């Protein structure tokens, strides 16, 4: 799986979180696994679309949020990861409420 970020950005994010190469690889594997669970449970309307097609339009902000959440867990900060995840969910809900 390819995230919509370059190697320098990925290296910067890893350095900011203090991740080792192994932790960075585990973070990326966790992101892919999470996305594959979503893909496996996609609606009927999307059954003919490949994983690469569905994840190919991910933007850098989505990738950054997923990397931050998973990276914090890998770095031994599950409480911080949970807090970021909850804030992301609430921000999405607020955004959806404002557009409806």
N, C-alpha and C. Protein backbone atom coordinates (compact mmCIF):
# COMPACT_ATOMS: atom_id res chain seq x y z
N UNK A 1 0.83 -1.17 0.00
CA UNK A 1 0.00 0.00 0.00
C UNK A 1 0.88 1.24 0.00
N UNK A 2 0.47 2.23 -0.74
CA UNK A 2 1.24 3.47 -0.85
C UNK A 2 0.42 4.61 -0.25
N UNK A 3 1.00 5.29 0.73
CA UNK A 3 0.35 6.46 1.30
C UNK A 3 0.66 7.68 0.45
N UNK A 4 -0.22 8.68 0.47
CA UNK A 4 -0.01 9.88 -0.36
C UNK A 4 0.99 10.87 0.24
N UNK A 5 2.13 10.33 0.67
CA UNK A 5 3.18 11.17 1.24
C UNK A 5 4.53 10.69 0.71
N UNK A 6 5.50 11.59 0.70
CA UNK A 6 6.82 11.19 0.23
C UNK A 6 7.65 10.63 1.39
N UNK A 7 8.77 10.06 1.05
CA UNK A 7 9.63 9.42 2.05
C UNK A 7 10.16 10.41 3.09
N UNK A 8 10.45 11.63 2.66
CA UNK A 8 10.96 12.64 3.60
C UNK A 8 9.89 12.98 4.65
N UNK A 9 8.65 13.09 4.22
CA UNK A 9 7.56 13.37 5.16
C UNK A 9 7.38 12.21 6.12
N UNK A 10 7.40 11.01 5.59
CA UNK A 10 7.27 9.82 6.44
C UNK A 10 8.41 9.76 7.46
N UNK A 11 9.61 10.05 7.02
CA UNK A 11 10.76 10.05 7.93
C UNK A 11 10.60 11.13 9.00
N UNK A 12 10.08 12.29 8.62
CA UNK A 12 9.87 13.38 9.59
C UNK A 12 8.83 12.99 10.62
N UNK A 13 7.73 12.40 10.18
CA UNK A 13 6.69 11.98 11.11
C UNK A 13 7.25 10.94 12.08
N UNK A 14 8.01 10.00 11.55
CA UNK A 14 8.60 8.96 12.39
C UNK A 14 9.55 9.56 13.42
N UNK A 15 10.35 10.51 12.98
CA UNK A 15 11.31 11.16 13.89
C UNK A 15 10.56 11.94 14.98
N UNK A 16 9.51 12.64 14.61
CA UNK A 16 8.74 13.41 15.59
C UNK A 16 8.15 12.50 16.68
N UNK A 17 7.75 11.30 16.28
CA UNK A 17 7.18 10.37 17.24
C UNK A 17 8.25 9.51 17.93
N UNK A 18 9.49 9.64 17.47
CA UNK A 18 10.58 8.85 18.05
C UNK A 18 10.50 7.37 17.71
N UNK A 19 9.98 7.06 16.53
CA UNK A 19 9.80 5.67 16.12
C UNK A 19 11.08 5.09 15.52
N UNK A 20 11.34 3.84 15.83
CA UNK A 20 12.42 3.12 15.17
C UNK A 20 11.95 2.70 13.79
N UNK A 21 12.84 2.17 12.98
CA UNK A 21 12.44 1.66 11.66
C UNK A 21 11.41 0.55 11.80
N UNK A 22 11.59 -0.30 12.80
CA UNK A 22 10.64 -1.40 13.02
C UNK A 22 9.28 -0.86 13.43
N UNK A 23 9.25 0.15 14.28
CA UNK A 23 7.99 0.74 14.71
C UNK A 23 7.30 1.45 13.55
N UNK A 24 8.08 2.10 12.70
CA UNK A 24 7.51 2.75 11.52
C UNK A 24 6.89 1.72 10.61
N UNK A 25 7.58 0.62 10.38
CA UNK A 25 7.03 -0.46 9.54
C UNK A 25 5.77 -1.03 10.16
N UNK A 26 5.77 -1.20 11.48
CA UNK A 26 4.58 -1.72 12.16
C UNK A 26 3.42 -0.73 12.06
N UNK A 27 3.72 0.55 12.13
CA UNK A 27 2.70 1.59 11.99
C UNK A 27 2.07 1.52 10.61
N UNK A 28 2.89 1.42 9.59
CA UNK A 28 2.38 1.33 8.23
C UNK A 28 1.56 0.05 8.01
N UNK A 29 2.02 -1.04 8.60
CA UNK A 29 1.28 -2.30 8.50
C UNK A 29 -0.08 -2.19 9.21
N UNK A 30 -0.10 -1.51 10.35
CA UNK A 30 -1.35 -1.31 11.09
C UNK A 30 -2.33 -0.47 10.28
N UNK A 31 -1.83 0.57 9.63
CA UNK A 31 -2.68 1.41 8.80
C UNK A 31 -3.28 0.58 7.67
N UNK A 32 -2.45 -0.21 7.01
CA UNK A 32 -2.96 -1.04 5.91
C UNK A 32 -3.99 -2.03 6.42
N UNK A 33 -3.73 -2.65 7.55
CA UNK A 33 -4.68 -3.63 8.11
C UNK A 33 -6.01 -2.95 8.42
N UNK A 34 -5.96 -1.77 9.00
CA UNK A 34 -7.18 -1.02 9.32
C UNK A 34 -7.97 -0.71 8.05
N UNK A 35 -7.27 -0.26 7.02
CA UNK A 35 -7.94 0.06 5.76
C UNK A 35 -8.51 -1.20 5.10
N UNK A 36 -7.81 -2.31 5.22
CA UNK A 36 -8.31 -3.56 4.63
C UNK A 36 -9.56 -4.06 5.34
N UNK A 37 -9.65 -3.84 6.64
CA UNK A 37 -10.89 -4.21 7.36
C UNK A 37 -12.05 -3.40 6.81
N UNK A 38 -11.82 -2.11 6.63
CA UNK A 38 -12.85 -1.27 6.02
C UNK A 38 -13.20 -1.72 4.62
N UNK A 39 -12.18 -2.10 3.86
CA UNK A 39 -12.41 -2.58 2.49
C UNK A 39 -13.21 -3.87 2.50
N UNK A 40 -12.88 -4.77 3.40
CA UNK A 40 -13.61 -6.05 3.48
C UNK A 40 -15.07 -5.85 3.85
N UNK A 41 -15.38 -4.75 4.52
CA UNK A 41 -16.74 -4.47 4.95
C UNK A 41 -17.39 -3.34 4.15
N UNK A 42 -16.90 -3.11 2.94
CA UNK A 42 -17.43 -2.03 2.11
C UNK A 42 -18.85 -2.34 1.65
N UNK A 43 -19.62 -1.30 1.33
CA UNK A 43 -21.00 -1.51 0.87
C UNK A 43 -21.06 -2.24 -0.47
N UNK A 44 -22.19 -2.82 -0.74
CA UNK A 44 -22.41 -3.57 -1.99
C UNK A 44 -22.07 -2.73 -3.22
N UNK A 45 -22.38 -1.44 -3.17
CA UNK A 45 -22.15 -0.56 -4.33
C UNK A 45 -20.68 -0.49 -4.71
N UNK A 46 -19.79 -0.82 -3.77
CA UNK A 46 -18.35 -0.71 -4.02
C UNK A 46 -17.68 -2.07 -4.17
N UNK A 47 -18.44 -3.12 -4.32
CA UNK A 47 -17.87 -4.48 -4.40
C UNK A 47 -16.97 -4.68 -5.62
N UNK A 48 -17.19 -3.94 -6.68
CA UNK A 48 -16.38 -4.11 -7.90
C UNK A 48 -15.13 -3.23 -7.91
N UNK A 49 -14.92 -2.46 -6.86
CA UNK A 49 -13.78 -1.54 -6.80
C UNK A 49 -12.65 -2.21 -6.02
N UNK A 50 -11.43 -2.08 -6.53
CA UNK A 50 -10.28 -2.70 -5.87
C UNK A 50 -9.83 -1.89 -4.65
N UNK A 51 -9.06 -2.55 -3.79
CA UNK A 51 -8.50 -1.90 -2.61
C UNK A 51 -7.67 -0.69 -3.03
N UNK A 52 -6.86 -0.85 -4.06
CA UNK A 52 -5.99 0.23 -4.52
C UNK A 52 -6.80 1.42 -5.03
N UNK A 53 -7.92 1.13 -5.69
CA UNK A 53 -8.77 2.23 -6.18
C UNK A 53 -9.40 2.99 -5.01
N UNK A 54 -9.88 2.26 -4.02
CA UNK A 54 -10.53 2.92 -2.90
C UNK A 54 -9.56 3.69 -2.02
N UNK A 55 -8.36 3.17 -1.84
CA UNK A 55 -7.40 3.86 -0.98
C UNK A 55 -6.55 4.87 -1.77
N UNK A 56 -6.61 4.82 -3.07
CA UNK A 56 -5.80 5.70 -3.90
C UNK A 56 -6.15 7.16 -3.80
N UNK A 57 -7.37 7.46 -3.36
CA UNK A 57 -7.76 8.87 -3.27
C UNK A 57 -7.63 9.43 -1.85
N UNK A 58 -6.95 8.69 -0.98
CA UNK A 58 -6.71 9.18 0.38
C UNK A 58 -5.85 10.44 0.29
N UNK A 59 -6.22 11.45 1.07
CA UNK A 59 -5.40 12.66 1.03
C UNK A 59 -4.36 12.64 2.15
N UNK A 60 -3.45 13.57 2.09
CA UNK A 60 -2.33 13.60 3.04
C UNK A 60 -2.80 13.82 4.47
N UNK A 61 -3.89 14.58 4.66
CA UNK A 61 -4.40 14.81 6.01
C UNK A 61 -4.92 13.53 6.63
N UNK A 62 -5.61 12.72 5.84
CA UNK A 62 -6.10 11.43 6.34
C UNK A 62 -4.93 10.52 6.70
N UNK A 63 -3.94 10.49 5.84
CA UNK A 63 -2.75 9.66 6.10
C UNK A 63 -2.03 10.14 7.36
N UNK A 64 -1.92 11.45 7.53
CA UNK A 64 -1.24 12.00 8.70
C UNK A 64 -1.97 11.61 9.99
N UNK A 65 -3.29 11.70 9.98
CA UNK A 65 -4.06 11.35 11.16
C UNK A 65 -3.91 9.86 11.49
N UNK A 66 -4.00 9.02 10.48
CA UNK A 66 -3.84 7.58 10.70
C UNK A 66 -2.44 7.26 11.21
N UNK A 67 -1.42 7.91 10.64
CA UNK A 67 -0.04 7.67 11.06
C UNK A 67 0.16 8.14 12.50
N UNK A 68 -0.39 9.29 12.84
CA UNK A 68 -0.26 9.81 14.20
C UNK A 68 -0.89 8.86 15.21
N UNK A 69 -2.10 8.42 14.94
CA UNK A 69 -2.79 7.53 15.88
C UNK A 69 -2.04 6.22 16.04
N UNK A 70 -1.71 5.58 14.95
CA UNK A 70 -1.01 4.29 15.02
C UNK A 70 0.41 4.46 15.55
N UNK A 71 1.08 5.54 15.14
CA UNK A 71 2.45 5.79 15.60
C UNK A 71 2.51 6.04 17.10
N UNK A 72 1.54 6.77 17.62
CA UNK A 72 1.50 6.98 19.07
C UNK A 72 1.35 5.65 19.81
N UNK A 73 0.54 4.76 19.29
CA UNK A 73 0.40 3.44 19.92
C UNK A 73 1.73 2.68 19.86
N UNK A 74 2.38 2.71 18.71
CA UNK A 74 3.66 2.02 18.55
C UNK A 74 4.72 2.60 19.49
N UNK A 75 4.64 3.91 19.74
CA UNK A 75 5.62 4.58 20.60
C UNK A 75 5.31 4.41 22.08
N UNK A 76 4.22 3.69 22.39
CA UNK A 76 3.88 3.43 23.79
C UNK A 76 3.00 4.48 24.43
N UNK A 77 2.22 5.18 23.62
CA UNK A 77 1.33 6.22 24.13
C UNK A 77 -0.12 5.95 23.71
N UNK A 78 -0.70 4.84 24.17
CA UNK A 78 -2.06 4.50 23.73
C UNK A 78 -3.11 5.51 24.16
N UNK A 79 -2.92 6.15 25.32
CA UNK A 79 -3.90 7.14 25.78
C UNK A 79 -3.92 8.34 24.84
N UNK A 80 -2.76 8.79 24.42
CA UNK A 80 -2.68 9.92 23.49
C UNK A 80 -3.28 9.53 22.14
N UNK A 81 -3.02 8.31 21.69
CA UNK A 81 -3.59 7.84 20.42
C UNK A 81 -5.11 7.84 20.49
N UNK A 82 -5.64 7.37 21.62
CA UNK A 82 -7.09 7.34 21.81
C UNK A 82 -7.66 8.76 21.79
N UNK A 83 -7.00 9.67 22.47
CA UNK A 83 -7.48 11.06 22.52
C UNK A 83 -7.51 11.68 21.13
N UNK A 84 -6.49 11.45 20.32
CA UNK A 84 -6.44 11.97 18.96
C UNK A 84 -7.55 11.34 18.12
N UNK A 85 -7.74 10.04 18.29
CA UNK A 85 -8.77 9.32 17.54
C UNK A 85 -10.16 9.87 17.87
N UNK A 86 -10.44 10.08 19.13
CA UNK A 86 -11.75 10.61 19.54
C UNK A 86 -11.95 12.02 19.00
N UNK A 87 -10.92 12.84 19.09
CA UNK A 87 -11.03 14.20 18.55
C UNK A 87 -11.29 14.18 17.05
N UNK A 88 -10.64 13.26 16.35
CA UNK A 88 -10.86 13.13 14.91
C UNK A 88 -12.29 12.74 14.59
N UNK A 89 -12.84 11.84 15.38
CA UNK A 89 -14.23 11.41 15.18
C UNK A 89 -15.18 12.58 15.42
N UNK A 90 -14.99 13.30 16.51
CA UNK A 90 -15.85 14.44 16.79
C UNK A 90 -15.74 15.53 15.73
N UNK A 91 -14.53 15.77 15.24
CA UNK A 91 -14.35 16.77 14.19
C UNK A 91 -15.08 16.35 12.92
N UNK A 92 -15.05 15.07 12.60
CA UNK A 92 -15.76 14.57 11.42
C UNK A 92 -17.26 14.73 11.60
N UNK A 93 -17.76 14.38 12.78
CA UNK A 93 -19.19 14.51 13.04
C UNK A 93 -19.63 15.97 12.95
N UNK A 94 -18.84 16.89 13.51
CA UNK A 94 -19.17 18.32 13.42
C UNK A 94 -19.21 18.77 11.97
N UNK A 95 -18.25 18.33 11.21
CA UNK A 95 -18.19 18.69 9.80
C UNK A 95 -19.42 18.18 9.05
N UNK A 96 -19.82 16.96 9.35
CA UNK A 96 -21.01 16.39 8.70
C UNK A 96 -22.27 17.14 9.11
N UNK A 97 -22.35 17.56 10.35
CA UNK A 97 -23.53 18.30 10.82
C UNK A 97 -23.62 19.66 10.14
N UNK A 98 -22.48 20.29 9.91
CA UNK A 98 -22.47 21.61 9.28
C UNK A 98 -22.83 21.56 7.81
N UNK A 99 -22.56 20.42 7.16
CA UNK A 99 -22.86 20.31 5.74
C UNK A 99 -24.26 19.80 5.47
N UNK A 100 -24.95 19.33 6.51
CA UNK A 100 -26.30 18.83 6.27
C UNK A 100 -27.37 19.83 6.63
